[in-house]
């Protein structure tokens, strides 16, 4: 599973660009990267849309036993 930060960085996108897209400050978005489960579903969908990925790519666990 990629973290939100890893996926954003792999796309070469700055935190500020994502923050502006979802309507929060860069500091708030940085906190989401540290604790991505604290985002609302709407914000998570908007981030994924902006980064061109699916919710599964970032928010769902893989290889759960």
N, C-alpha and C. Protein backbone atom coordinates (compact mmCIF):
# COMPACT_ATOMS: atom_id res chain seq x y z
N UNK A 1 0.84 -1.18 0.00
CA UNK A 1 0.00 0.00 0.00
C UNK A 1 0.89 1.25 0.00
N UNK A 2 0.60 2.16 -0.86
CA UNK A 2 1.27 3.46 -0.85
C UNK A 2 0.61 4.34 0.18
N UNK A 3 1.41 5.14 0.82
CA UNK A 3 0.81 6.15 1.68
C UNK A 3 0.43 7.34 0.81
N UNK A 4 -0.38 8.18 1.35
CA UNK A 4 -0.79 9.39 0.64
C UNK A 4 0.44 10.21 0.25
N UNK A 5 1.37 10.37 1.16
CA UNK A 5 2.58 11.14 0.90
C UNK A 5 3.41 10.49 -0.21
N UNK A 6 3.60 9.18 -0.13
CA UNK A 6 4.39 8.48 -1.16
C UNK A 6 3.76 8.65 -2.54
N UNK A 7 2.45 8.52 -2.61
CA UNK A 7 1.78 8.63 -3.90
C UNK A 7 1.89 10.05 -4.44
N UNK A 8 1.66 11.04 -3.58
CA UNK A 8 1.76 12.44 -4.02
C UNK A 8 3.17 12.75 -4.52
N UNK A 9 4.17 12.32 -3.76
CA UNK A 9 5.55 12.59 -4.16
C UNK A 9 5.92 11.89 -5.46
N UNK A 10 5.39 10.67 -5.66
CA UNK A 10 5.69 9.95 -6.90
C UNK A 10 5.13 10.66 -8.13
N UNK A 11 4.10 11.47 -7.92
CA UNK A 11 3.49 12.25 -8.99
C UNK A 11 4.14 13.62 -9.16
N UNK A 12 5.06 13.97 -8.24
CA UNK A 12 5.73 15.26 -8.30
C UNK A 12 4.84 16.44 -7.96
N UNK A 13 3.85 16.20 -7.11
CA UNK A 13 2.88 17.23 -6.73
C UNK A 13 3.24 17.77 -5.35
N UNK A 14 3.15 19.07 -5.19
CA UNK A 14 3.42 19.72 -3.90
C UNK A 14 2.19 19.62 -2.98
N UNK A 15 2.46 19.62 -1.68
CA UNK A 15 1.37 19.59 -0.71
C UNK A 15 0.40 20.74 -0.93
N UNK A 16 0.92 21.92 -1.22
CA UNK A 16 0.07 23.09 -1.37
C UNK A 16 -0.94 22.91 -2.51
N UNK A 17 -0.54 22.30 -3.59
CA UNK A 17 -1.45 22.09 -4.72
C UNK A 17 -2.62 21.19 -4.31
N UNK A 18 -2.33 20.13 -3.58
CA UNK A 18 -3.40 19.22 -3.14
C UNK A 18 -4.28 19.93 -2.13
N UNK A 19 -3.66 20.65 -1.20
CA UNK A 19 -4.42 21.37 -0.17
C UNK A 19 -5.39 22.36 -0.80
N UNK A 20 -4.92 23.12 -1.77
CA UNK A 20 -5.79 24.09 -2.43
C UNK A 20 -6.93 23.39 -3.16
N UNK A 21 -6.65 22.24 -3.76
CA UNK A 21 -7.69 21.51 -4.48
C UNK A 21 -8.82 21.05 -3.56
N UNK A 22 -8.46 20.64 -2.34
CA UNK A 22 -9.51 20.15 -1.43
C UNK A 22 -9.99 21.22 -0.46
N UNK A 23 -9.44 22.43 -0.57
CA UNK A 23 -9.94 23.55 0.22
C UNK A 23 -9.50 23.59 1.67
N UNK A 24 -8.26 23.15 1.93
CA UNK A 24 -7.70 23.24 3.28
C UNK A 24 -6.34 23.91 3.21
N UNK A 25 -5.80 24.26 4.36
CA UNK A 25 -4.45 24.85 4.39
C UNK A 25 -3.42 23.76 4.14
N UNK A 26 -2.21 24.19 3.78
CA UNK A 26 -1.15 23.21 3.57
C UNK A 26 -0.84 22.47 4.87
N UNK A 27 -0.90 23.19 5.99
CA UNK A 27 -0.63 22.57 7.29
C UNK A 27 -1.65 21.48 7.61
N UNK A 28 -2.91 21.74 7.31
CA UNK A 28 -3.96 20.74 7.54
C UNK A 28 -3.72 19.53 6.64
N UNK A 29 -3.39 19.78 5.38
CA UNK A 29 -3.12 18.66 4.48
C UNK A 29 -1.91 17.85 4.96
N UNK A 30 -0.88 18.52 5.46
CA UNK A 30 0.29 17.82 5.98
C UNK A 30 -0.11 16.89 7.12
N UNK A 31 -1.05 17.34 7.95
CA UNK A 31 -1.54 16.48 9.04
C UNK A 31 -2.27 15.27 8.48
N UNK A 32 -3.00 15.45 7.38
CA UNK A 32 -3.67 14.32 6.74
C UNK A 32 -2.66 13.29 6.24
N UNK A 33 -1.52 13.75 5.76
CA UNK A 33 -0.50 12.81 5.31
C UNK A 33 0.06 12.01 6.47
N UNK A 34 0.12 12.60 7.65
CA UNK A 34 0.59 11.89 8.84
C UNK A 34 -0.47 10.95 9.40
N UNK A 35 -1.73 11.28 9.17
CA UNK A 35 -2.84 10.48 9.69
C UNK A 35 -3.96 10.49 8.65
N UNK A 36 -3.75 9.79 7.55
CA UNK A 36 -4.67 9.89 6.43
C UNK A 36 -6.08 9.40 6.74
N UNK A 37 -6.24 8.63 7.80
CA UNK A 37 -7.57 8.16 8.18
C UNK A 37 -8.43 9.29 8.74
N UNK A 38 -7.81 10.44 9.05
CA UNK A 38 -8.57 11.55 9.60
C UNK A 38 -9.28 12.39 8.54
N UNK A 39 -9.02 12.11 7.26
CA UNK A 39 -9.68 12.83 6.17
C UNK A 39 -11.13 12.36 6.05
N UNK A 40 -11.98 13.24 5.58
CA UNK A 40 -13.35 12.82 5.28
C UNK A 40 -13.33 12.00 3.99
N UNK A 41 -14.38 11.25 3.76
CA UNK A 41 -14.48 10.47 2.53
C UNK A 41 -14.46 11.40 1.31
N UNK A 42 -15.15 12.52 1.41
CA UNK A 42 -15.17 13.48 0.31
C UNK A 42 -13.79 14.03 0.00
N UNK A 43 -13.03 14.34 1.04
CA UNK A 43 -11.67 14.84 0.83
C UNK A 43 -10.79 13.76 0.23
N UNK A 44 -10.93 12.54 0.71
CA UNK A 44 -10.13 11.44 0.18
C UNK A 44 -10.43 11.22 -1.30
N UNK A 45 -11.70 11.27 -1.67
CA UNK A 45 -12.08 11.11 -3.08
C UNK A 45 -11.50 12.24 -3.92
N UNK A 46 -11.56 13.47 -3.40
CA UNK A 46 -11.04 14.63 -4.13
C UNK A 46 -9.53 14.52 -4.32
N UNK A 47 -8.82 14.07 -3.30
CA UNK A 47 -7.37 13.89 -3.42
C UNK A 47 -7.05 12.83 -4.46
N UNK A 48 -7.75 11.73 -4.41
CA UNK A 48 -7.50 10.67 -5.38
C UNK A 48 -7.80 11.12 -6.81
N UNK A 49 -8.86 11.87 -6.97
CA UNK A 49 -9.19 12.41 -8.29
C UNK A 49 -8.07 13.34 -8.77
N UNK A 50 -7.60 14.19 -7.89
CA UNK A 50 -6.55 15.14 -8.23
C UNK A 50 -5.25 14.43 -8.59
N UNK A 51 -4.91 13.36 -7.86
CA UNK A 51 -3.67 12.63 -8.10
C UNK A 51 -3.80 11.56 -9.18
N UNK A 52 -5.02 11.32 -9.64
CA UNK A 52 -5.23 10.33 -10.69
C UNK A 52 -5.07 8.89 -10.23
N UNK A 53 -5.59 8.61 -9.05
CA UNK A 53 -5.51 7.25 -8.51
C UNK A 53 -6.88 6.85 -7.97
N UNK A 54 -7.00 5.61 -7.59
CA UNK A 54 -8.25 5.16 -6.98
C UNK A 54 -8.10 5.16 -5.47
N UNK A 55 -9.21 5.15 -4.78
CA UNK A 55 -9.19 5.07 -3.31
C UNK A 55 -8.45 3.80 -2.87
N UNK A 56 -8.60 2.72 -3.63
CA UNK A 56 -7.93 1.47 -3.29
C UNK A 56 -6.41 1.62 -3.27
N UNK A 57 -5.88 2.46 -4.14
CA UNK A 57 -4.44 2.63 -4.23
C UNK A 57 -3.83 3.17 -2.94
N UNK A 58 -4.59 3.96 -2.21
CA UNK A 58 -4.04 4.63 -1.04
C UNK A 58 -4.69 4.21 0.27
N UNK A 59 -5.99 4.02 0.25
CA UNK A 59 -6.71 3.90 1.52
C UNK A 59 -7.12 2.49 1.93
N UNK A 60 -6.95 1.51 1.06
CA UNK A 60 -7.34 0.15 1.45
C UNK A 60 -6.11 -0.72 1.66
N UNK A 61 -6.16 -1.52 2.68
CA UNK A 61 -5.05 -2.43 2.99
C UNK A 61 -5.01 -3.58 2.00
N UNK A 62 -3.84 -4.06 1.75
CA UNK A 62 -3.66 -5.24 0.89
C UNK A 62 -3.04 -6.34 1.70
N UNK A 63 -3.21 -7.55 1.25
CA UNK A 63 -2.61 -8.73 1.89
C UNK A 63 -3.00 -8.85 3.35
N UNK A 64 -4.26 -8.62 3.62
CA UNK A 64 -4.76 -8.79 4.97
C UNK A 64 -5.03 -10.27 5.19
N UNK A 65 -4.45 -10.82 6.25
CA UNK A 65 -4.62 -12.26 6.53
C UNK A 65 -5.70 -12.48 7.55
